[in-house]
């Protein structure tokens, strides 16, 4: 028979070893609060779709969408509680997405051949 140590009893009582990495347990209230915020964001999306913000229609819609996506990534995908490397990978992915969108917008609004600024006028023949 082997003798049990205090450490063995402690590990058995808690069902884990202290040397290993443990998943982060998020309180259920946090999920409900984030869900509530997403529902408010959905309501704002529907409300904003019926409003005329002029030139800022796209900015308002994207602002709401980015806020909701950030909540999903941080809490439901557990990036907030992930190691720094995972957070870095997500940040770099978002930066590259912004770079690609910026390049497309820059190309779309670049000067036309006649020197006028505005959306490109593409003609198909």
C-alpha atoms as a PDB file:
ATOM      1  CA  UNK A   1       0.000   0.000   0.000  1.00  0.00           C
ATOM      2  CA  UNK A   2       1.105   3.512  -0.646  1.00  0.00           C
ATOM      3  CA  UNK A   3       0.802   6.339   1.791  1.00  0.00           C
ATOM      4  CA  UNK A   4      -1.387   9.256   0.809  1.00  0.00           C
ATOM      5  CA  UNK A   5       0.047  12.690   1.275  1.00  0.00           C
ATOM      6  CA  UNK A   6      -1.775  15.918   2.004  1.00  0.00           C
ATOM      7  CA  UNK A   7      -1.211  16.941  -1.628  1.00  0.00           C
ATOM      8  CA  UNK A   8      -2.880  13.766  -2.902  1.00  0.00           C
ATOM      9  CA  UNK A   9      -5.917  14.401  -0.691  1.00  0.00           C
ATOM     10  CA  UNK A  10      -6.106  18.034  -1.841  1.00  0.00           C
ATOM     11  CA  UNK A  11      -5.873  17.017  -5.529  1.00  0.00           C
ATOM     12  CA  UNK A  12      -8.547  14.382  -5.042  1.00  0.00           C
ATOM     13  CA  UNK A  13     -10.911  16.783  -3.293  1.00  0.00           C
ATOM     14  CA  UNK A  14     -10.673  19.392  -6.035  1.00  0.00           C
ATOM     15  CA  UNK A  15     -10.293  17.039  -8.974  1.00  0.00           C
ATOM     16  CA  UNK A  16      -7.241  18.750 -10.437  1.00  0.00           C
ATOM     17  CA  UNK A  17      -3.544  19.259 -10.027  1.00  0.00           C
ATOM     18  CA  UNK A  18      -2.203  22.705  -9.254  1.00  0.00           C
ATOM     19  CA  UNK A  19       0.717  22.404 -11.635  1.00  0.00           C
ATOM     20  CA  UNK A  20      -1.430  22.223 -14.799  1.00  0.00           C
ATOM     21  CA  UNK A  21      -3.251  24.929 -16.688  1.00  0.00           C
ATOM     22  CA  UNK A  22      -6.938  25.258 -15.895  1.00  0.00           C
ATOM     23  CA  UNK A  23      -9.651  26.634 -18.140  1.00  0.00           C
ATOM     24  CA  UNK A  24     -11.071  29.958 -17.077  1.00  0.00           C
ATOM     25  CA  UNK A  25     -14.622  29.633 -15.793  1.00  0.00           C
ATOM     26  CA  UNK A  26     -16.784  32.584 -16.769  1.00  0.00           C
ATOM     27  CA  UNK A  27     -19.699  33.363 -14.440  1.00  0.00           C
ATOM     28  CA  UNK A  28     -23.102  32.699 -15.967  1.00  0.00           C
ATOM     29  CA  UNK A  29     -24.132  36.287 -15.225  1.00  0.00           C
ATOM     30  CA  UNK A  30     -21.433  37.503 -17.625  1.00  0.00           C
ATOM     31  CA  UNK A  31     -22.943  35.465 -20.456  1.00  0.00           C
ATOM     32  CA  UNK A  32     -26.418  36.825 -19.714  1.00  0.00           C
ATOM     33  CA  UNK A  33     -25.121  40.414 -19.626  1.00  0.00           C
ATOM     34  CA  UNK A  34     -23.295  39.968 -22.931  1.00  0.00           C
ATOM     35  CA  UNK A  35     -26.399  38.346 -24.422  1.00  0.00           C
ATOM     36  CA  UNK A  36     -28.447  41.322 -23.236  1.00  0.00           C
ATOM     37  CA  UNK A  37     -25.953  43.722 -24.798  1.00  0.00           C
ATOM     38  CA  UNK A  38     -26.160  41.776 -28.078  1.00  0.00           C
ATOM     39  CA  UNK A  39     -29.961  41.996 -27.993  1.00  0.00           C
ATOM     40  CA  UNK A  40     -29.728  45.765 -27.428  1.00  0.00           C
ATOM     41  CA  UNK A  41     -27.297  45.909 -30.351  1.00  0.00           C
ATOM     42  CA  UNK A  42     -29.744  43.961 -32.505  1.00  0.00           C
ATOM     43  CA  UNK A  43     -32.520  46.381 -31.571  1.00  0.00           C
ATOM     44  CA  UNK A  44     -30.229  49.313 -32.432  1.00  0.00           C
ATOM     45  CA  UNK A  45     -29.432  47.693 -35.781  1.00  0.00           C
ATOM     46  CA  UNK A  46     -33.116  47.374 -36.657  1.00  0.00           C
ATOM     47  CA  UNK A  47     -33.841  50.903 -35.408  1.00  0.00           C
ATOM     48  CA  UNK A  48     -30.889  52.394 -37.309  1.00  0.00           C
ATOM     49  CA  UNK A  49     -32.009  50.686 -40.513  1.00  0.00           C
ATOM     50  CA  UNK A  50     -35.167  52.796 -40.434  1.00  0.00           C
ATOM     51  CA  UNK A  51     -33.339  56.081 -39.812  1.00  0.00           C
ATOM     52  CA  UNK A  52     -31.634  58.364 -42.285  1.00  0.00           C
ATOM     53  CA  UNK A  53     -28.195  59.371 -41.060  1.00  0.00           C
ATOM     54  CA  UNK A  54     -27.220  60.802 -44.426  1.00  0.00           C
ATOM     55  CA  UNK A  55     -23.604  60.103 -45.255  1.00  0.00           C
ATOM     56  CA  UNK A  56     -23.166  58.283 -41.947  1.00  0.00           C
ATOM     57  CA  UNK A  57     -25.560  55.368 -42.595  1.00  0.00           C
ATOM     58  CA  UNK A  58     -22.685  52.987 -43.249  1.00  0.00           C
ATOM     59  CA  UNK A  59     -20.620  54.323 -40.345  1.00  0.00           C
ATOM     60  CA  UNK A  60     -23.486  53.794 -37.869  1.00  0.00           C
ATOM     61  CA  UNK A  61     -24.243  50.295 -39.189  1.00  0.00           C
ATOM     62  CA  UNK A  62     -20.574  49.265 -39.098  1.00  0.00           C
ATOM     63  CA  UNK A  63     -20.125  50.758 -35.632  1.00  0.00           C
ATOM     64  CA  UNK A  64     -22.967  48.661 -34.248  1.00  0.00           C
ATOM     65  CA  UNK A  65     -21.759  45.549 -36.095  1.00  0.00           C
ATOM     66  CA  UNK A  66     -18.158  45.922 -34.916  1.00  0.00           C
ATOM     67  CA  UNK A  67     -19.299  46.417 -31.317  1.00  0.00           C
ATOM     68  CA  UNK A  68     -21.425  43.256 -31.438  1.00  0.00           C
ATOM     69  CA  UNK A  69     -18.649  41.266 -33.128  1.00  0.00           C
ATOM     70  CA  UNK A  70     -16.170  42.421 -30.483  1.00  0.00           C
ATOM     71  CA  UNK A  71     -18.448  41.182 -27.693  1.00  0.00           C
ATOM     72  CA  UNK A  72     -18.797  37.788 -29.387  1.00  0.00           C
ATOM     73  CA  UNK A  73     -15.059  37.416 -29.941  1.00  0.00           C
ATOM     74  CA  UNK A  74     -14.080  38.542 -26.436  1.00  0.00           C
ATOM     75  CA  UNK A  75     -16.618  36.623 -24.387  1.00  0.00           C
ATOM     76  CA  UNK A  76     -18.162  33.757 -26.368  1.00  0.00           C
ATOM     77  CA  UNK A  77     -14.882  32.860 -28.067  1.00  0.00           C
ATOM     78  CA  UNK A  78     -13.011  33.402 -24.764  1.00  0.00           C
ATOM     79  CA  UNK A  79     -10.338  35.614 -26.318  1.00  0.00           C
ATOM     80  CA  UNK A  80     -10.518  37.907 -23.291  1.00  0.00           C
ATOM     81  CA  UNK A  81      -9.304  35.072 -21.066  1.00  0.00           C
ATOM     82  CA  UNK A  82      -6.925  33.496 -23.596  1.00  0.00           C
ATOM     83  CA  UNK A  83      -3.132  33.639 -23.548  1.00  0.00           C
ATOM     84  CA  UNK A  84      -1.420  36.716 -24.976  1.00  0.00           C
ATOM     85  CA  UNK A  85      -0.442  34.818 -28.129  1.00  0.00           C
ATOM     86  CA  UNK A  86      -4.091  34.141 -28.991  1.00  0.00           C
ATOM     87  CA  UNK A  87      -4.955  37.785 -28.349  1.00  0.00           C
ATOM     88  CA  UNK A  88      -2.061  38.823 -30.604  1.00  0.00           C
ATOM     89  CA  UNK A  89      -3.250  36.531 -33.409  1.00  0.00           C
ATOM     90  CA  UNK A  90      -6.761  38.013 -33.222  1.00  0.00           C
ATOM     91  CA  UNK A  91      -5.397  41.571 -33.144  1.00  0.00           C
ATOM     92  CA  UNK A  92      -3.166  40.938 -36.190  1.00  0.00           C
ATOM     93  CA  UNK A  93      -6.098  39.368 -38.077  1.00  0.00           C
ATOM     94  CA  UNK A  94      -8.259  42.424 -37.356  1.00  0.00           C
ATOM     95  CA  UNK A  95      -5.412  44.733 -38.417  1.00  0.00           C
ATOM     96  CA  UNK A  96      -5.006  42.900 -41.735  1.00  0.00           C
ATOM     97  CA  UNK A  97      -8.768  43.019 -42.311  1.00  0.00           C
ATOM     98  CA  UNK A  98      -8.707  46.780 -41.697  1.00  0.00           C
ATOM     99  CA  UNK A  99      -5.763  47.095 -44.090  1.00  0.00           C
ATOM    100  CA  UNK A 100      -7.599  45.186 -46.817  1.00  0.00           C
ATOM    101  CA  UNK A 101     -10.808  47.183 -46.352  1.00  0.00           C
ATOM    102  CA  UNK A 102      -8.794  50.406 -46.346  1.00  0.00           C
ATOM    103  CA  UNK A 103      -7.116  49.409 -49.607  1.00  0.00           C
ATOM    104  CA  UNK A 104     -10.434  48.643 -51.269  1.00  0.00           C
ATOM    105  CA  UNK A 105     -11.976  51.915 -50.072  1.00  0.00           C
ATOM    106  CA  UNK A 106      -8.886  53.817 -51.215  1.00  0.00           C
ATOM    107  CA  UNK A 107      -9.088  52.229 -54.651  1.00  0.00           C
ATOM    108  CA  UNK A 108     -12.843  52.798 -54.889  1.00  0.00           C
ATOM    109  CA  UNK A 109     -12.553  56.493 -54.076  1.00  0.00           C
ATOM    110  CA  UNK A 110      -9.346  57.158 -56.020  1.00  0.00           C
ATOM    111  CA  UNK A 111      -9.332  59.905 -58.638  1.00  0.00           C
ATOM    112  CA  UNK A 112     -10.850  59.000 -61.967  1.00  0.00           C
ATOM    113  CA  UNK A 113      -9.004  59.493 -65.221  1.00  0.00           C
ATOM    114  CA  UNK A 114     -10.558  62.949 -65.606  1.00  0.00           C
ATOM    115  CA  UNK A 115      -9.141  64.018 -62.210  1.00  0.00           C
ATOM    116  CA  UNK A 116     -12.493  64.154 -60.404  1.00  0.00           C
ATOM    117  CA  UNK A 117     -12.817  62.497 -57.003  1.00  0.00           C
ATOM    118  CA  UNK A 118     -15.609  60.056 -56.362  1.00  0.00           C
ATOM    119  CA  UNK A 119     -16.572  56.434 -56.745  1.00  0.00           C
ATOM    120  CA  UNK A 120     -15.067  54.784 -59.771  1.00  0.00           C
ATOM    121  CA  UNK A 121     -17.285  54.809 -62.815  1.00  0.00           C
ATOM    122  CA  UNK A 122     -16.738  51.389 -64.351  1.00  0.00           C
ATOM    123  CA  UNK A 123     -18.165  50.884 -67.807  1.00  0.00           C
ATOM    124  CA  UNK A 124     -18.597  47.480 -69.355  1.00  0.00           C
ATOM    125  CA  UNK A 125     -18.584  47.256 -73.112  1.00  0.00           C
END
